[in-house]
Protein backbone atom coordinates (compact mmCIF):
# COMPACT_ATOMS: atom_id res chain seq x y z
CA MET A 1 -20.31 -4.88 -2.38
CA GLU A 2 -18.74 -8.16 -3.40
CA ILE A 3 -15.32 -7.88 -4.96
CA ARG A 4 -13.62 -10.85 -6.58
CA GLY A 5 -10.11 -11.13 -7.93
CA ARG A 6 -8.36 -13.75 -10.02
CA ASP A 7 -10.00 -17.16 -10.01
CA GLY A 8 -13.02 -15.70 -8.19
CA LYS A 9 -11.07 -15.07 -4.97
CA ARG A 10 -12.93 -12.86 -2.51
CA ILE A 11 -11.30 -10.10 -0.44
CA GLU A 12 -12.61 -11.81 2.68
CA GLU A 13 -10.40 -14.82 1.85
CA LEU A 14 -7.31 -12.62 1.62
CA TRP A 15 -8.18 -10.74 4.81
CA GLY A 16 -9.42 -13.78 6.76
CA LYS A 17 -6.19 -14.45 8.65
CA ASN A 18 -4.90 -10.97 9.58
CA GLY A 19 -7.76 -8.59 8.86
CA ALA A 20 -7.88 -5.77 6.34
CA ARG A 21 -4.51 -4.91 4.81
CA ALA A 22 -3.26 -3.52 1.54
CA TYR A 23 -0.03 -2.77 -0.26
CA LEU A 24 0.60 0.98 0.05
CA ARG A 25 -3.03 1.30 1.22
CA THR A 26 -4.31 0.62 -2.26
CA MET A 27 -3.44 -2.74 -3.89
CA LEU A 28 -4.26 -6.36 -3.09
CA PRO A 29 -2.43 -9.40 -4.51
CA GLY A 30 -4.62 -11.40 -6.84
CA PHE A 31 -6.84 -8.40 -7.61
CA PRO A 32 -5.30 -7.01 -10.80
CA ASN A 33 -6.14 -3.46 -11.89
CA PHE A 34 -7.92 -2.86 -8.57
CA PHE A 35 -6.95 0.21 -6.56
CA MET A 36 -8.59 1.31 -3.32
CA ILE A 37 -8.53 5.08 -2.85
CA TYR A 38 -9.26 4.78 0.88
CA GLY A 39 -7.89 1.38 1.77
CA PRO A 40 -6.61 -0.14 4.99
CA ASN A 41 -4.06 1.87 7.01
CA THR A 42 -4.87 5.16 5.31
CA ASN A 43 -5.34 7.38 8.39
CA ASN A 44 -2.16 9.31 9.00
CA PHE A 45 -0.07 10.53 11.91
CA GLY A 46 2.02 13.19 10.28
CA GLY A 47 0.28 16.37 9.33
CA LEU A 48 -1.43 15.53 6.08
CA GLN A 49 -5.14 14.96 5.71
CA ILE A 50 -6.88 11.90 4.29
CA VAL A 51 -7.68 13.79 1.10
CA ASP A 52 -3.92 14.30 0.57
CA PHE A 53 -3.43 10.55 0.69
CA GLU A 54 -6.38 9.99 -1.59
CA GLU A 55 -4.75 12.31 -4.12
CA MET A 56 -1.42 10.48 -3.84
CA VAL A 57 -3.10 7.10 -4.33
CA THR A 58 -5.15 8.43 -7.25
CA ARG A 59 -1.99 9.73 -8.95
CA PHE A 60 -0.27 6.38 -8.30
CA ALA A 61 -3.22 4.44 -9.79
CA LEU A 62 -3.38 6.70 -12.85
CA GLN A 63 0.37 6.36 -13.40
CA CYS A 64 0.02 2.58 -13.16
CA ILE A 65 -2.82 2.59 -15.70
CA GLY A 66 -0.87 4.97 -17.94
CA GLY A 67 2.12 2.64 -17.74
CA LEU A 68 -0.06 -0.26 -18.84
CA VAL A 69 -1.27 1.72 -21.85
CA THR A 70 2.16 2.94 -22.96
CA GLN A 71 3.72 -0.51 -22.49
CA LYS A 72 0.79 -2.23 -24.22
CA LYS A 73 0.15 -4.41 -21.18
CA ARG A 74 -3.20 -5.46 -19.73
CA THR A 75 -2.85 -5.94 -15.98
CA ILE A 76 -0.99 -4.67 -12.97
CA ASP A 77 -0.94 -6.49 -9.66
CA VAL A 78 1.17 -6.55 -6.52
CA SER A 79 2.98 -9.75 -5.68
CA LEU A 80 1.94 -11.64 -2.54
CA ASP A 81 5.52 -11.38 -1.30
CA ALA A 82 5.54 -7.58 -1.70
CA TYR A 83 2.16 -7.32 0.03
CA SER A 84 3.52 -9.35 2.95
CA ARG A 85 6.80 -7.39 3.15
CA TYR A 86 4.97 -4.05 3.14
CA ASN A 87 2.54 -5.16 5.84
CA ASP A 88 5.40 -6.50 7.95
CA GLU A 89 6.82 -2.97 7.71
CA VAL A 90 3.47 -1.53 8.83
CA ASP A 91 3.45 -3.94 11.77
CA ARG A 92 7.03 -2.99 12.76
CA ALA A 93 6.15 0.72 12.76
CA GLU A 94 2.83 0.11 14.47
CA ALA A 95 4.50 -1.75 17.34
CA LEU A 96 5.88 1.62 18.45
CA MET A 97 2.46 3.30 18.63
CA ILE A 98 0.91 3.99 22.02
CA TYR A 99 -2.36 2.31 21.11
CA LYS A 100 -0.42 -0.98 20.77
CA ASP A 101 0.53 -0.97 24.46
CA PRO A 102 -0.91 -4.20 25.95
CA ARG A 103 -2.57 -2.14 28.67
CA ALA A 104 -4.50 -0.14 26.09
CA ASN A 105 -8.00 -1.23 25.19
CA ASN A 106 -9.17 0.95 22.33
CA TYR A 107 -11.01 1.03 19.06
CA TYR A 108 -7.79 1.24 17.02
CA LYS A 109 -7.07 -2.46 17.46
CA ASN A 110 -9.18 -4.95 15.55
CA ASP A 111 -9.81 -8.60 16.44
CA ASN A 112 -6.33 -9.39 15.10
CA GLY A 113 -4.69 -6.94 17.50
CA ARG A 114 -3.68 -4.48 14.81
CA SER A 115 -5.08 -1.32 13.32
CA ALA A 116 -6.64 -1.47 9.90
CA ALA A 117 -7.26 2.28 10.03
CA ASN A 118 -4.04 4.00 11.09
CA ASN A 119 -0.84 4.28 9.10
CA PRO A 120 2.21 4.36 11.37
CA ILE A 121 4.77 4.77 8.55
CA ASP A 122 6.43 8.15 8.09
CA ILE A 123 4.53 10.23 5.54
CA ARG A 124 7.73 11.04 3.64
CA LYS A 125 8.24 7.35 2.88
CA ILE A 126 4.63 6.92 1.73
CA TRP A 127 4.91 9.99 -0.51
CA THR A 128 8.13 8.65 -2.03
CA TRP A 129 6.75 5.15 -2.58
CA LEU A 130 3.64 6.51 -4.29
CA ARG A 131 5.63 8.98 -6.39
CA ASN A 132 6.35 7.10 -9.63
CA PRO A 133 5.54 3.41 -10.10
CA LEU A 134 7.09 3.21 -13.55
CA ASP A 135 10.68 3.23 -12.28
CA GLY A 136 10.91 5.35 -9.17
CA HIS A 137 12.43 8.23 -11.09
CA VAL A 138 10.99 11.70 -11.67
CA SER A 139 12.68 13.69 -14.47
CA GLY A 140 15.51 11.16 -14.57
CA GLU A 141 16.31 11.36 -10.85
CA GLN A 142 14.77 9.70 -7.86
CA SER A 143 13.23 12.23 -5.53
CA GLY A 144 11.86 11.92 -2.03
CA ASP A 145 12.84 10.27 1.21
CA GLN A 146 16.27 8.69 0.75
CA GLU A 147 15.56 5.87 3.21
CA ALA A 148 12.42 4.97 1.23
CA ILE A 149 14.31 5.12 -2.07
CA ALA A 150 16.99 2.77 -0.74
CA SER A 151 14.51 0.40 0.91
CA PRO A 152 14.95 -3.22 -0.15
CA ILE A 153 11.64 -4.00 1.59
CA VAL A 154 9.24 -1.83 -0.40
CA ARG A 155 9.90 -1.47 -4.14
CA PRO A 156 6.64 -0.15 -5.64
CA TYR A 157 7.81 -0.10 -9.23
CA PHE A 158 6.94 -1.92 -12.43
CA ARG A 159 8.83 -5.24 -12.66
CA GLU A 160 9.74 -5.11 -8.96
CA ASP A 161 6.86 -5.32 -6.44
CA LEU A 162 4.37 -4.52 -9.21
CA VAL A 163 3.68 -7.39 -11.61
CA VAL A 164 2.80 -6.22 -15.12
CA GLU A 165 1.40 -8.57 -17.75
């Protein structure tokens, strides 16, 4: 399936340098209103199943779309900077995984030396980041992993990492 974003950009162009990546496993910069339910780095090390992540991403996407409707906006996208910051965080966490040991030769590592399948980030952070894209608050208070809430690196909210037009 061929997928093109703004100005006809192809996913292969975005992924050409470092392989498959996504912001929070679901969004790609330059591909507005596009959400992957099972995107790069979705497989988990932390007790939940893939279907749990698919449900979290689906809720996140629906909240983003709902936010567009209520705010009378047309598109939502992730900034290139946010995409890069998030994937730097994935790389930092992945560096601690056993399959990254230079002596390991395994199917987890792609041609770029990283995994496009596994997610090394603590599940509590992912859950928190996918919780509420409108402002990070649920019922007036932020809930979830406090480290994720305070993170200056990943801010998956409207008018922060998420660009709304």
